[in-house]
Amino acid sequence: MIKHLLVFSFVLGSAAVQAQTTKPASAKTPAAKPATHTPAGAAVAAKRPMKLVSTWGIFLGDSLPKNEIVKLLDSSLIVRDEKNVKYPVISFAFTLEQHEPYLNDTTGQPAIYKDYTGDNFKQAKMTTIWANGLKANLGKGDILFFDEILVQQPNGKVYKAPSLKFTVR
């Protein structure tokens, strides 16, 4: 009985191993051919999403002194692809993270309070009201986030560009 069980498990195991082997090289599917040989492969390469790079002024996101950020507040967001073609920004979400120290009543230890404010803009730069408010209220350690940056191609397609993050030094 044990001998039959061992033979049965051996046959079953070898069948599982045989089922997992790969196809021989001569039986390649059309999808395995290089994209340069077929016109369909060229269409797939053309549909590849473009690589976008977001900047604010000339900066990709960084820790900058307050006076540099104040200069940038009137600047537009710029989005380019890998061929250095600019795309118009149609909207973005802005969030300001402000840090204020306070004394924790429970522990008696100093702590940092984080306050978040923001808005959505339907253009490439902040409104004058926002820019003037930030010029007056920016402080060391504050963080500016530019998220949900949307750009539009000439054919009307809308793409989401990478986010930006700036910290005030």
Protein backbone atom coordinates (compact mmCIF):
# COMPACT_ATOMS: atom_id res chain seq x y z
CA MET A 1 0.00 0.00 0.00
CA ILE A 2 2.79 2.42 0.91
CA LYS A 3 4.63 1.48 -2.28
CA HIS A 4 1.56 2.37 -4.38
CA LEU A 5 1.16 5.65 -2.51
CA LEU A 6 4.82 6.58 -3.14
CA VAL A 7 4.55 5.73 -6.85
CA PHE A 8 1.32 7.75 -7.14
CA SER A 9 2.86 10.81 -5.43
CA PHE A 10 5.96 10.52 -7.66
CA VAL A 11 3.82 10.46 -10.82
CA LEU A 12 1.69 13.35 -9.58
CA GLY A 13 4.80 15.41 -8.67
CA SER A 14 6.46 14.83 -12.04
CA ALA A 15 3.26 15.85 -13.83
CA ALA A 16 3.22 19.15 -11.88
CA VAL A 17 6.85 19.82 -12.78
CA GLN A 18 6.18 19.01 -16.44
CA ALA A 19 3.20 21.40 -16.50
CA GLN A 20 5.39 24.32 -15.36
CA THR A 21 8.05 24.07 -18.05
CA THR A 22 8.40 26.88 -20.59
CA LYS A 23 7.72 26.68 -24.29
CA PRO A 24 10.64 25.97 -26.59
CA ALA A 25 12.31 28.97 -28.26
CA SER A 26 10.90 28.03 -31.68
CA ALA A 27 7.31 28.49 -30.47
CA LYS A 28 7.52 32.24 -29.71
CA THR A 29 4.31 34.22 -29.73
CA PRO A 30 3.97 37.40 -31.85
CA ALA A 31 4.04 39.53 -28.65
CA ALA A 32 7.55 38.25 -27.88
CA LYS A 33 9.00 39.69 -31.11
CA PRO A 34 10.84 43.02 -30.88
CA ALA A 35 8.60 46.08 -31.34
CA THR A 36 10.68 47.33 -34.29
CA HIS A 37 9.56 44.48 -36.57
CA THR A 38 5.82 45.05 -36.41
CA PRO A 39 3.71 48.14 -37.02
CA ALA A 40 1.60 47.21 -33.99
CA GLY A 41 4.75 47.39 -31.84
CA ALA A 42 5.35 50.96 -33.01
CA ALA A 43 1.82 51.88 -31.94
CA VAL A 44 2.43 50.42 -28.49
CA ALA A 45 5.64 52.46 -28.15
CA ALA A 46 3.77 55.61 -29.19
CA LYS A 47 1.12 55.01 -26.51
CA ARG A 48 3.76 54.84 -23.78
CA PRO A 49 3.02 57.59 -21.25
CA MET A 50 5.37 60.50 -21.58
CA LYS A 51 7.80 61.26 -18.77
CA LEU A 52 6.93 64.68 -17.36
CA VAL A 53 9.04 66.90 -15.11
CA SER A 54 7.47 69.66 -12.99
CA THR A 55 9.35 72.79 -11.94
CA TRP A 56 8.54 76.01 -10.13
CA GLY A 57 10.75 78.62 -11.71
CA ILE A 58 13.95 76.65 -12.23
CA PHE A 59 13.57 74.44 -9.14
CA LEU A 60 12.44 70.80 -9.08
CA GLY A 61 11.58 70.94 -5.39
CA ASP A 62 14.06 71.66 -2.68
CA SER A 63 14.80 73.35 0.59
CA LEU A 64 15.13 77.04 -0.26
CA PRO A 65 15.69 80.24 1.73
CA LYS A 66 12.62 82.36 2.37
CA ASN A 67 13.79 85.17 0.07
CA GLU A 68 14.08 82.71 -2.88
CA ILE A 69 10.58 81.34 -2.27
CA VAL A 70 9.18 84.86 -2.01
CA LYS A 71 10.67 85.59 -5.46
CA LEU A 72 9.02 82.43 -6.84
CA LEU A 73 5.52 83.19 -5.51
CA ASP A 74 4.64 85.16 -8.65
CA SER A 75 6.06 82.44 -10.95
CA SER A 76 4.13 79.82 -12.87
CA LEU A 77 4.52 76.07 -12.63
CA ILE A 78 6.28 74.66 -15.68
CA VAL A 79 5.89 71.10 -16.96
CA ARG A 80 8.14 69.63 -19.65
CA ASP A 81 8.50 66.19 -21.18
CA GLU A 82 11.69 64.25 -21.96
CA LYS A 83 12.05 66.17 -25.25
CA ASN A 84 11.95 69.51 -23.36
CA VAL A 85 8.52 70.38 -24.80
CA LYS A 86 6.49 72.61 -22.44
CA TYR A 87 2.88 71.77 -21.67
CA PRO A 88 0.37 74.29 -20.30
CA VAL A 89 -0.66 73.72 -16.68
CA ILE A 90 -4.44 73.82 -16.45
CA SER A 91 -4.78 73.32 -12.69
CA PHE A 92 -3.00 72.34 -9.49
CA ALA A 93 -3.69 71.88 -5.80
CA PHE A 94 -1.60 73.89 -3.34
CA THR A 95 -1.14 73.10 0.35
CA LEU A 96 0.86 75.05 2.92
CA GLU A 97 2.05 73.24 6.03
CA GLN A 98 2.94 75.75 8.76
CA HIS A 99 4.76 74.81 11.96
CA GLU A 100 4.21 76.61 15.25
CA PRO A 101 5.86 75.65 18.52
CA TYR A 102 3.65 75.42 21.61
CA LEU A 103 3.83 74.12 25.17
CA ASN A 104 1.87 70.90 25.65
CA ASP A 105 -0.40 71.38 28.70
CA THR A 106 -0.49 67.67 29.55
CA THR A 107 3.20 66.83 29.36
CA GLY A 108 4.69 70.28 29.92
CA GLN A 109 7.03 69.64 26.97
CA PRO A 110 7.40 71.87 23.92
CA ALA A 111 5.82 70.48 20.75
CA ILE A 112 5.14 71.52 17.18
CA TYR A 113 1.64 72.32 15.95
CA LYS A 114 1.09 71.75 12.23
CA ASP A 115 -1.54 73.79 10.43
CA TYR A 116 -2.57 73.00 6.85
CA THR A 117 -4.17 75.49 4.47
CA GLY A 118 -4.58 75.26 0.75
CA ASP A 119 -6.57 75.86 -2.37
CA ASN A 120 -7.07 74.57 -5.91
CA PHE A 121 -6.02 76.82 -8.77
CA LYS A 122 -7.34 76.63 -12.34
CA GLN A 123 -4.24 78.23 -13.85
CA ALA A 124 -0.46 77.82 -13.85
CA LYS A 125 0.26 80.10 -10.88
CA MET A 126 -1.23 81.22 -7.59
CA THR A 127 -3.59 84.15 -7.42
CA THR A 128 -2.22 87.52 -6.28
CA ILE A 129 -4.12 87.27 -2.99
CA TRP A 130 -2.47 83.94 -2.14
CA ALA A 131 0.99 85.13 -3.22
CA ASN A 132 0.75 88.30 -1.11
CA GLY A 133 -0.54 86.35 1.90
CA LEU A 134 2.33 83.88 1.66
CA LYS A 135 4.89 86.67 1.31
CA ALA A 136 3.68 88.09 4.63
CA ASN A 137 3.24 84.82 6.56
CA LEU A 138 5.93 82.36 5.41
CA GLY A 139 8.22 81.16 8.17
CA LYS A 140 11.20 78.90 8.61
CA GLY A 141 10.22 75.22 8.41
CA ASP A 142 7.01 75.82 6.44
CA ILE A 143 6.42 73.39 3.57
CA LEU A 144 4.74 74.21 0.25
CA PHE A 145 3.15 71.31 -1.66
CA PHE A 146 2.06 71.47 -5.30
CA ASP A 147 -0.05 68.38 -6.02
CA GLU A 148 -2.50 67.20 -8.68
CA ILE A 149 -0.71 69.21 -11.37
CA LEU A 150 -2.69 68.72 -14.59
CA VAL A 151 -1.35 69.56 -18.05
CA GLN A 152 -3.01 69.44 -21.43
CA GLN A 153 -1.55 68.24 -24.71
CA PRO A 154 -2.39 69.99 -27.98
CA ASN A 155 -4.69 67.06 -28.89
CA GLY A 156 -6.74 67.73 -25.74
CA LYS A 157 -5.51 64.85 -23.58
CA VAL A 158 -4.96 65.73 -19.93
CA TYR A 159 -2.04 64.27 -17.97
CA LYS A 160 -1.08 64.40 -14.32
CA ALA A 161 2.43 65.75 -13.75
CA PRO A 162 4.70 64.94 -10.76
CA SER A 163 4.15 66.81 -7.50
CA LEU A 164 6.53 69.38 -6.04
CA LYS A 165 7.57 70.04 -2.44
CA PHE A 166 9.47 73.08 -1.15
CA THR A 167 10.69 73.63 2.39
CA VAL A 168 11.45 77.13 3.71
CA ARG A 169 14.91 77.45 5.26
